[in-house]
Structure formats: structure tokens, C-alpha cells
């Protein structure tokens, strides 16, 4: 590397919703913080291609990091939306069993949610569920009133505003290609505007989403077992033509780590279905990803949706958009927990790698940011070791 031309306290790589939340937390803790984003605008990757759902914390293994940051992050996010005028709605969700064979799975999900600190679930039989949503067909359901929807772009703008008000600076079209620990600081090689520059920073947080595993492989001195390999799973969404007959989100019983083709709503009431799950092979660089939605995938959507909404009309589904999950495991291995790898994991001072931060990353963003501060010994561990919940 050439001699560094810039010195800052902290660098965050990636200006998605999680990177923005982390950069905000670092800047508000008093660190001079630079946020680097390889794209031309913030939140143009994973963060702009989600269901925009605020998850309650039902699905994740009890005691896991996912469960803890989701339950805590949900409450933090609702509070943040209220204080910062970010649009959201606690519309609630029904998780449904469409036949008797699924009832035991629904009961197990309810038990898991309670162990995660979600205490506001309500068990409904088929008649009770249909009284709430007349278009629905199911034999039982779990009602989750603390599930909601959010304007994710409004959230990211609010986080950016807080970050910049605390003295942080955003640099777009800036790609980090190499990291190296040099005495007491990190040296980063950055490509920006057709030129290369070097940065010195005491703290580096890798929040690069789809690019985060690749950055671990470009970090000199990082133990091999602390590096990650990227795997890509594409999820397509289809929009419903015409008004939605539902006022709540409708989710089928989850299958492994996939939540199934669910019905979600945006703040304008438009319904969309998805995502499905399509593992992508032979892709080594996220820039190779194709986000086009194949119209032919709708056929499987009709079959899945009609299990809980038999009256879905033919021709009602229109290709909408797709997203790619930043996975760190392949299709034949169980989904791992979120990885917030700090100095206690890899032994490198001042470095945190955020790996495998897919759903519920949006819900958890503020809690993840607090966990990063703890990892860097900038906050008390008690702030993230518990799962406070107003749902009781």
C-alpha cells in the first residue's frame, strides 16, 4: 500500500441499513467515522430488496444471537420510528397451519417464540382466524400483534441524518479492496473515482452485506477459520394485481430456515408474495447477480399461496422484484447464527466482521449496532445480553 492519505477513528464498510446503524452508533459514541459505500447511493443492495417486515422474533433458535438481537431490535426500532417520524404500522401477522398435520409444528413455533421472549402471541382455531381474515383458509393460526411493516428507505435516511449530525461522513462509489493491520491502526486500500487511496483507521467494521465474506478474504492476518465464503440464495417477489383482501401479513408454517411464500403488505396496502428460494451456483462476485424476476416462477407461487388463500385469481400475480440473501452456508448445511466477529473471536484489535446478516437484519439493525459497540468495548455488555420486550 501507498502511504495513507487520511486518518479517521473508524471506518464502516457498507451503507445498507445495518452499516448505517453501526456508523450512527460509532459516530454518536464520539468517534470520527467514515462510512464507505461502493454503490452510487445508500441501501441499494440487500436493504432495498426485502419484505420491509419488522419481525417479532418467533423463528430463531432460543439463545441464539439472531433471537436476541431480533427481539431487542424490534422494540428499539419501533421506538426509533416514533421518535424520528419514520413511517411504520403494527399490522400484525398470522402464521397459519393449513392442515391438521401442521398443527404440532405451529405449537412448537409458539413454544420457541415464548422461549425467545415473545409473550404476546395468541392461538386461534380456524374459525377465529377466518373471523379476522375472511379470505383465509387454515385449521389454526398464531396471531403476532408485534409484527409490523416499515418504510425501509425512510429508516435509512433517518439513520444517515443522525450519523451526519454526529459528525460522520459518507463516501459513495468507494470500494475497499484490501485491509491490513499495521502497528496500532488498520490500513485500507480504497478505489474511488478511478483512483486508489489509503486510509488509516483505529476501528473497521465490515458491514458489506453480499461483499462481506469476500472482504474477510482480503484482510491480511485474519485467521482462515474466521474468514467466510459467500453463498447466494435469490428470492423473487410477485405483486398482487388489485386490492388485497387481507389487513395482516399471512405466513405459512416455516420450512427449515425458509419462511415460505408469505403475503406481506406495504404501507400503501399493496400486497406482494414471496420470497421463494433459489440457490445460485457458479457465482463468485455479487456483481454477477441477475435480479430479474422470471415470470415462469409464478406457477409455484400460485400453488403455495392457494394453500391459505384458495380464491387467488388466475393471472393475479405480476413480477415485482427480487433480492439475494447474503448467506455464509450452502444449501446442504443448516443455517448458522448471525456472526458478529470481533477481537474476542479473531484476535485482531479494532476489527468487526458482520457475516450472514440476512433476515431479520432490518429488524435487528439498531441492536446489532449496539452489539458492535460491545464487541469493541465501547458499550456495556448488559445492553445486548438481555432480551427486553414490551410484549407481555
Protein backbone atom coordinates (compact mmCIF):
# COMPACT_ATOMS: atom_id res chain seq x y z
CA UNK A 1 0.00 0.00 0.00
CA UNK A 2 0.98 3.59 -0.53
CA UNK A 3 1.27 5.91 2.40
CA UNK A 4 -2.12 6.66 3.93
CA UNK A 5 -3.61 9.99 2.94
CA UNK A 6 -6.40 10.04 5.50
CA UNK A 7 -6.71 9.13 9.18
CA UNK A 8 -10.03 8.61 10.94
CA UNK A 9 -11.11 6.95 14.15
CA UNK A 10 -13.45 4.46 12.49
CA UNK A 11 -14.44 3.18 9.06
CA UNK A 12 -17.66 1.31 8.35
CA UNK A 13 -17.77 -0.56 5.03
CA UNK A 14 -21.25 -0.79 3.54
CA UNK A 15 -24.11 1.72 3.75
CA UNK A 16 -27.05 -0.65 3.95
CA UNK A 17 -29.41 -0.43 6.90
CA UNK A 18 -27.04 -2.34 9.21
CA UNK A 19 -23.96 -0.34 8.16
CA UNK A 20 -25.86 2.90 8.62
CA UNK A 21 -26.98 1.87 12.10
CA UNK A 22 -23.43 0.86 13.05
CA UNK A 23 -21.91 4.05 11.65
CA UNK A 24 -24.51 6.10 13.53
CA UNK A 25 -23.69 4.31 16.79
CA UNK A 26 -19.94 4.80 16.35
CA UNK A 27 -20.30 8.49 15.49
CA UNK A 28 -22.65 9.08 18.41
CA UNK A 29 -20.12 7.40 20.71
CA UNK A 30 -17.66 10.16 19.81
CA UNK A 31 -15.57 8.53 17.09
CA UNK A 32 -14.76 10.36 13.88
CA UNK A 33 -16.40 7.91 11.49
CA UNK A 34 -16.25 7.46 7.73
CA UNK A 35 -18.90 5.34 6.00
CA UNK A 36 -17.79 3.82 2.69
CA UNK A 37 -20.28 2.56 0.09
CA UNK A 38 -19.30 1.02 -3.23
CA UNK A 39 -22.60 1.94 -4.94
CA UNK A 40 -23.87 5.34 -6.05
CA UNK A 41 -26.42 5.57 -3.24
CA UNK A 42 -27.10 4.14 0.18
CA UNK A 43 -29.13 0.99 0.72
CA UNK A 44 -29.15 -0.16 -2.90
CA UNK A 45 -28.31 -3.79 -2.12
CA UNK A 46 -29.94 -6.22 0.31
CA UNK A 47 -31.61 -3.40 2.25
CA UNK A 48 -33.72 -2.25 -0.70
CA UNK A 49 -34.83 -5.75 -1.69
CA UNK A 50 -36.64 -7.09 1.36
CA UNK A 51 -40.22 -7.55 2.59
CA UNK A 52 -39.82 -4.48 4.87
CA UNK A 53 -41.19 -6.51 7.77
CA UNK A 54 -40.48 -5.78 11.43
CA UNK A 55 -40.20 -9.30 12.83
CA UNK A 56 -41.39 -10.19 16.32
CA UNK A 57 -38.75 -12.87 16.96
CA UNK A 58 -40.71 -16.10 16.52
CA UNK A 59 -38.46 -18.26 14.39
CA UNK A 60 -34.91 -18.25 15.69
CA UNK A 61 -33.27 -20.82 17.98
CA UNK A 62 -33.67 -19.78 21.64
CA UNK A 63 -30.45 -18.35 23.00
CA UNK A 64 -29.12 -17.54 19.53
CA UNK A 65 -27.78 -14.15 18.58
CA UNK A 66 -30.50 -13.88 15.94
CA UNK A 67 -33.21 -14.32 18.55
CA UNK A 68 -31.68 -11.84 20.98
CA UNK A 69 -30.98 -9.03 18.54
CA UNK A 70 -34.35 -9.51 16.81
CA UNK A 71 -36.45 -9.22 19.97
CA UNK A 72 -34.42 -6.31 21.31
CA UNK A 73 -34.09 -4.71 17.90
CA UNK A 74 -37.83 -4.87 17.27
CA UNK A 75 -38.57 -2.75 20.33
CA UNK A 76 -35.70 -0.37 19.58
CA UNK A 77 -36.91 0.02 16.01
CA UNK A 78 -40.49 0.83 16.96
CA UNK A 79 -39.23 3.44 19.43
CA UNK A 80 -36.89 4.88 16.79
CA UNK A 81 -39.65 5.13 14.20
CA UNK A 82 -41.86 7.00 16.65
CA UNK A 83 -39.13 9.43 17.67
CA UNK A 84 -37.85 10.04 14.14
CA UNK A 85 -41.16 10.07 12.24
CA UNK A 86 -40.27 7.02 10.16
CA UNK A 87 -43.42 5.53 8.63
CA UNK A 88 -44.43 2.13 10.02
CA UNK A 89 -47.52 0.17 11.00
CA UNK A 90 -48.06 -2.60 13.56
CA UNK A 91 -50.34 -4.51 11.25
CA UNK A 92 -49.77 -7.89 12.92
CA UNK A 93 -49.23 -11.28 11.34
CA UNK A 94 -50.93 -14.67 11.21
CA UNK A 95 -48.75 -17.76 10.92
CA UNK A 96 -51.05 -20.48 9.64
CA UNK A 97 -51.36 -24.25 9.66
CA UNK A 98 -53.22 -25.25 6.53
CA UNK A 99 -53.87 -28.85 7.55
CA UNK A 100 -54.01 -30.91 10.74
CA UNK A 101 -50.54 -32.33 10.18
CA UNK A 102 -49.04 -28.84 10.63
CA UNK A 103 -50.68 -28.08 13.99
CA UNK A 104 -47.90 -29.67 16.04
CA UNK A 105 -45.36 -27.59 14.11
CA UNK A 106 -47.35 -24.46 14.88
CA UNK A 107 -47.40 -25.39 18.57
CA UNK A 108 -43.63 -25.90 18.51
CA UNK A 109 -43.23 -22.48 16.92
CA UNK A 110 -45.33 -20.90 19.66
CA UNK A 111 -43.13 -22.55 22.30
CA UNK A 112 -39.97 -21.34 20.56
CA UNK A 113 -41.32 -17.79 20.42
CA UNK A 114 -42.10 -17.79 24.15
CA UNK A 115 -38.58 -19.00 24.91
CA UNK A 116 -37.29 -16.07 22.81
CA UNK A 117 -39.23 -13.60 24.96
CA UNK A 118 -42.22 -13.13 22.63
CA UNK A 119 -45.19 -13.32 25.02
CA UNK A 120 -47.99 -11.67 23.07
CA UNK A 121 -48.87 -14.49 20.67
CA UNK A 122 -52.48 -15.66 20.53
CA UNK A 123 -53.58 -19.13 19.43
CA UNK A 124 -56.52 -19.16 17.02
CA UNK A 125 -58.54 -22.01 15.63
CA UNK A 126 -59.59 -21.89 12.00
CA UNK A 127 -62.90 -20.17 12.72
CA UNK A 128 -61.26 -17.47 14.84
CA UNK A 129 -58.60 -16.85 12.21
CA UNK A 130 -61.20 -16.57 9.48
CA UNK A 131 -63.16 -14.11 11.60
CA UNK A 132 -60.10 -11.83 11.47
CA UNK A 133 -59.28 -12.52 7.80
CA UNK A 134 -62.36 -13.84 5.95
CA UNK A 135 -60.38 -14.71 2.80
CA UNK A 136 -58.06 -17.02 4.75
CA UNK A 137 -58.31 -20.80 4.90
CA UNK A 138 -56.50 -22.62 7.71
CA UNK A 139 -57.11 -25.02 10.59
CA UNK A 140 -55.16 -22.97 13.16
CA UNK A 141 -53.03 -19.84 13.37
CA UNK A 142 -50.72 -17.89 15.62
CA UNK A 143 -51.53 -14.19 15.80
CA UNK A 144 -48.45 -11.98 16.30
CA UNK A 145 -49.55 -8.41 17.07
CA UNK A 146 -45.98 -7.10 17.44
CA UNK A 147 -45.10 -7.85 13.81
CA UNK A 148 -45.19 -4.79 11.58
CA UNK A 149 -44.06 -3.15 8.36
CA UNK A 150 -41.76 -0.19 7.81
CA UNK A 151 -40.58 2.27 5.20
CA UNK A 152 -37.03 0.93 4.98
CA UNK A 153 -35.82 3.81 2.82
CA UNK A 154 -37.21 6.34 5.29
CA UNK A 155 -35.41 4.46 8.06
CA UNK A 156 -32.10 4.57 6.22
CA UNK A 157 -32.43 8.30 5.56
CA UNK A 158 -33.14 8.89 9.26
CA UNK A 159 -30.09 6.84 10.28
CA UNK A 160 -27.95 8.75 7.78
CA UNK A 161 -29.24 12.04 9.17
CA UNK A 162 -28.29 11.04 12.71
CA UNK A 163 -24.89 9.85 11.52
CA UNK A 164 -24.08 13.08 9.72
CA UNK A 165 -25.43 15.20 12.58
CA UNK A 166 -22.95 13.40 14.86
CA UNK A 167 -20.09 14.41 12.56
CA UNK A 168 -19.93 11.31 10.36
CA UNK A 169 -19.08 11.46 6.65
CA UNK A 170 -20.40 9.30 3.82
CA UNK A 171 -18.28 8.44 0.77
CA UNK A 172 -20.15 6.83 -2.13
CA UNK A 173 -18.58 4.95 -5.07
CA UNK A 174 -15.78 3.84 -2.74
CA UNK A 175 -14.70 0.20 -2.81
CA UNK A 176 -12.40 -1.32 -0.20
CA UNK A 177 -10.10 -3.86 -1.84
CA UNK A 178 -7.64 -4.71 0.91
CA UNK A 179 -7.17 -4.44 4.68
CA UNK A 180 -4.07 -4.87 6.79
CA UNK A 181 -3.24 -4.32 10.43
CA UNK A 182 -0.22 -2.02 10.67
CA UNK A 183 1.06 -1.45 14.19
CA UNK A 184 -1.78 0.34 16.02
CA UNK A 185 -4.06 1.05 13.06
CA UNK A 186 -5.79 -0.57 10.13
CA UNK A 187 -4.71 0.34 6.63
CA UNK A 188 -7.39 0.15 3.97
CA UNK A 189 -6.86 0.38 0.24
CA UNK A 190 -9.85 2.12 -1.37
CA UNK A 191 -10.74 2.60 -5.02
CA UNK A 192 -12.73 5.77 -5.63
CA UNK A 193 -13.26 7.82 -8.76
CA UNK A 194 -10.80 5.78 -10.79
CA UNK A 195 -8.01 6.35 -8.28
CA UNK A 196 -6.64 4.46 -5.30
CA UNK A 197 -6.17 5.92 -1.87
CA UNK A 198 -5.24 4.54 1.50
CA UNK A 199 -6.89 5.12 4.85
CA UNK A 200 -5.73 4.69 8.42
CA UNK A 201 -8.39 3.80 10.97
CA UNK A 202 -8.33 2.55 14.51
CA UNK A 203 -11.64 0.72 14.05
CA UNK A 204 -13.01 -1.06 10.97
CA UNK A 205 -16.48 -2.62 10.73
CA UNK A 206 -17.18 -4.82 7.73
CA UNK A 207 -20.94 -4.40 7.10
CA UNK A 208 -20.70 -5.02 3.37
CA UNK A 209 -23.58 -7.50 3.08
CA UNK A 210 -23.12 -9.62 -0.04
CA UNK A 211 -19.49 -8.47 -0.24
CA UNK A 212 -18.68 -9.04 3.45
CA UNK A 213 -17.34 -12.62 3.10
CA UNK A 214 -15.05 -11.55 0.25
CA UNK A 215 -13.64 -8.77 2.41
CA UNK A 216 -12.66 -11.27 5.09
CA UNK A 217 -10.53 -12.99 2.44
CA UNK A 218 -8.89 -9.64 1.61
CA UNK A 219 -7.94 -8.99 5.24
CA UNK A 220 -4.29 -9.81 5.85
CA UNK A 221 -3.66 -11.70 9.07
CA UNK A 222 -7.25 -12.81 9.58
CA UNK A 223 -7.22 -16.50 10.60
CA UNK A 224 -8.59 -18.81 7.92
CA UNK A 225 -11.30 -20.11 10.24
CA UNK A 226 -12.53 -16.53 10.72
CA UNK A 227 -12.90 -15.92 7.01
CA UNK A 228 -16.14 -16.71 5.22
CA UNK A 229 -17.27 -17.92 1.84
CA UNK A 230 -20.29 -16.28 0.21
CA UNK A 231 -23.29 -18.30 -0.93
CA UNK A 232 -26.20 -16.68 -2.73
CA UNK A 233 -29.88 -17.52 -2.46
CA UNK A 234 -32.23 -15.49 -4.64
CA UNK A 235 -35.76 -14.70 -3.58
CA UNK A 236 -38.33 -13.40 -6.07
CA UNK A 237 -41.45 -11.42 -5.23
CA UNK A 238 -44.72 -11.14 -7.12
CA UNK A 239 -47.19 -8.29 -6.65
CA UNK A 240 -50.94 -8.80 -6.45
CA UNK A 241 -52.94 -7.06 -9.15
CA UNK A 242 -55.85 -5.31 -7.49
CA UNK A 243 -56.73 -4.73 -3.84
CA UNK A 244 -55.62 -7.16 -1.14
CA UNK A 245 -58.32 -8.98 0.86
CA UNK A 246 -56.05 -9.09 3.93
CA UNK A 247 -55.21 -6.47 6.56
CA UNK A 248 -52.47 -8.54 8.23
CA UNK A 249 -49.41 -10.36 6.98
CA UNK A 250 -50.02 -14.05 6.29
CA UNK A 251 -47.18 -16.54 6.70
CA UNK A 252 -47.26 -20.29 6.17
CA UNK A 253 -45.58 -22.55 8.69
CA UNK A 254 -41.83 -22.10 8.05
CA UNK A 255 -39.77 -24.77 6.32
CA UNK A 256 -36.30 -25.08 7.86
CA UNK A 257 -34.63 -21.64 7.58
CA UNK A 258 -37.04 -20.50 4.86
CA UNK A 259 -40.22 -18.74 5.96
CA UNK A 260 -42.15 -19.82 2.90
CA UNK A 261 -44.03 -17.78 0.29
CA UNK A 262 -45.82 -15.30 2.51
CA UNK A 263 -48.15 -12.41 1.92
CA UNK A 264 -46.81 -9.06 3.01
CA UNK A 265 -48.20 -5.56 2.63
CA UNK A 266 -46.57 -2.23 2.00
CA UNK A 267 -47.65 0.95 3.77
CA UNK A 268 -49.96 1.77 0.86
CA UNK A 269 -51.81 -1.53 1.27
CA UNK A 270 -50.35 -3.20 -1.84
CA UNK A 271 -49.92 -6.94 -1.37
CA UNK A 272 -46.92 -8.91 -2.56
CA UNK A 273 -45.97 -12.55 -2.23
CA UNK A 274 -42.57 -14.04 -1.65
CA UNK A 275 -39.80 -14.56 -1.47
CA UNK A 276 -39.21 -18.01 -2.82
CA UNK A 277 -35.77 -19.59 -2.51
CA UNK A 278 -33.45 -20.26 -5.46
CA UNK A 279 -29.85 -21.19 -4.73
CA UNK A 280 -27.47 -19.65 -7.26
CA UNK A 281 -24.39 -21.57 -8.32
CA UNK A 282 -21.24 -20.61 -10.19
CA UNK A 283 -21.25 -17.01 -8.96
CA UNK A 284 -18.12 -15.73 -7.26
CA UNK A 285 -18.77 -11.99 -7.42
CA UNK A 286 -22.02 -10.29 -6.33
CA UNK A 287 -21.76 -8.05 -9.38
CA UNK A 288 -22.63 -11.13 -11.47
CA UNK A 289 -26.07 -11.41 -9.84
CA UNK A 290 -29.13 -11.14 -12.06
CA UNK A 291 -32.07 -9.59 -10.24
CA UNK A 292 -34.63 -10.09 -13.00
CA UNK A 293 -37.77 -11.96 -11.91
CA UNK A 294 -38.65 -14.89 -14.13
CA UNK A 295 -42.38 -14.77 -14.88
CA UNK A 296 -42.50 -18.57 -15.01
CA UNK A 297 -41.78 -18.80 -11.28
CA UNK A 298 -45.33 -17.57 -10.65
CA UNK A 299 -46.70 -21.07 -11.20
CA UNK A 300 -45.18 -22.34 -7.94
CA UNK A 301 -46.37 -19.19 -6.17
CA UNK A 302 -49.98 -19.90 -7.11
CA UNK A 303 -49.73 -23.41 -5.67
CA UNK A 304 -48.15 -22.21 -2.40
CA UNK A 305 -50.46 -19.24 -1.87
CA UNK A 306 -53.65 -21.18 -2.61
CA UNK A 307 -52.95 -23.39 0.38
CA UNK A 308 -54.03 -20.47 2.58
CA UNK A 309 -55.89 -18.32 0.03
CA UNK A 310 -57.69 -20.69 -2.33
CA UNK A 311 -59.51 -17.82 -4.04
CA UNK A 312 -56.35 -16.29 -5.50
CA UNK A 313 -57.45 -15.49 -9.08
CA UNK A 314 -55.59 -16.80 -12.09
CA UNK A 315 -53.34 -14.15 -13.62
CA UNK A 316 -53.32 -12.02 -10.46
CA UNK A 317 -49.58 -12.27 -9.79
CA UNK A 318 -47.19 -9.91 -11.54
CA UNK A 319 -43.37 -10.00 -11.34
CA UNK A 320 -42.21 -7.36 -8.83
CA UNK A 321 -38.59 -7.53 -7.71
CA UNK A 322 -36.03 -9.91 -6.25
CA UNK A 323 -33.37 -9.92 -3.58
CA UNK A 324 -30.36 -12.08 -2.78
CA UNK A 325 -29.70 -13.29 0.74
CA UNK A 326 -26.08 -12.84 1.95
CA UNK A 327 -25.64 -16.38 3.17
CA UNK A 328 -22.49 -17.95 4.58
CA UNK A 329 -23.71 -21.54 4.21
CA UNK A 330 -24.70 -23.75 1.31
CA UNK A 331 -27.99 -25.50 0.55
CA UNK A 332 -27.00 -28.75 2.25
CA UNK A 333 -25.95 -27.28 5.59
CA UNK A 334 -28.06 -25.84 8.44
CA UNK A 335 -28.41 -22.08 8.62
CA UNK A 336 -25.84 -20.68 11.05
CA UNK A 337 -26.36 -17.90 13.55
CA UNK A 338 -25.52 -14.29 12.79
CA UNK A 339 -21.78 -13.74 13.06
CA UNK A 340 -20.58 -10.58 14.75
CA UNK A 341 -16.91 -11.43 14.78
CA UNK A 342 -14.93 -9.01 16.89
CA UNK A 343 -11.49 -9.09 18.53
CA UNK A 344 -12.53 -11.78 21.02
CA UNK A 345 -13.30 -14.10 18.09
CA UNK A 346 -10.41 -13.46 15.70
CA UNK A 347 -7.80 -11.71 17.83
CA UNK A 348 -7.49 -8.65 15.58
CA UNK A 349 -7.89 -5.39 17.56
CA UNK A 350 -10.42 -2.89 16.27
CA UNK A 351 -12.00 -5.14 13.62
CA UNK A 352 -15.59 -6.41 13.47
CA UNK A 353 -16.91 -8.56 10.63
CA UNK A 354 -20.69 -8.81 10.23
CA UNK A 355 -21.35 -12.05 8.37
CA UNK A 356 -24.53 -13.81 7.29
CA UNK A 357 -26.69 -10.84 8.28
CA UNK A 358 -29.83 -11.70 6.36
CA UNK A 359 -33.35 -11.66 7.82
CA UNK A 360 -34.02 -10.39 10.48
CA UNK A 361 -31.19 -7.93 9.83
CA UNK A 362 -33.51 -4.99 9.15
CA UNK A 363 -35.44 -5.56 12.37
CA UNK A 364 -32.20 -6.06 14.30
CA UNK A 365 -30.12 -3.21 12.88
CA UNK A 366 -30.11 -0.99 15.98
CA UNK A 367 -29.44 -3.93 18.27
CA UNK A 368 -26.65 -5.19 16.02
CA UNK A 369 -25.09 -1.73 16.20
CA UNK A 370 -25.12 -1.94 19.99
CA UNK A 371 -23.53 -5.37 19.84
CA UNK A 372 -20.74 -3.97 17.67
CA UNK A 373 -20.03 -1.32 20.30
CA UNK A 374 -19.86 -4.05 22.94
CA UNK A 375 -17.51 -6.10 20.77
CA UNK A 376 -15.24 -3.08 20.51
CA UNK A 377 -15.59 -2.40 24.25
CA UNK A 378 -17.34 0.89 23.58
CA UNK A 379 -20.53 -0.08 25.43
CA UNK A 380 -21.63 -2.26 28.33
CA UNK A 381 -22.37 -5.90 27.53
CA UNK A 382 -25.59 -5.72 29.55
CA UNK A 383 -27.13 -3.56 26.84
CA UNK A 384 -27.35 -6.53 24.47
CA UNK A 385 -27.17 -9.55 26.71
CA UNK A 386 -30.84 -9.35 27.61
CA UNK A 387 -33.98 -9.56 25.52
CA UNK A 388 -36.27 -6.82 26.83
CA UNK A 389 -39.78 -6.98 25.48
CA UNK A 390 -42.91 -4.92 25.97
CA UNK A 391 -44.91 -7.90 24.71
CA UNK A 392 -46.20 -9.34 27.94
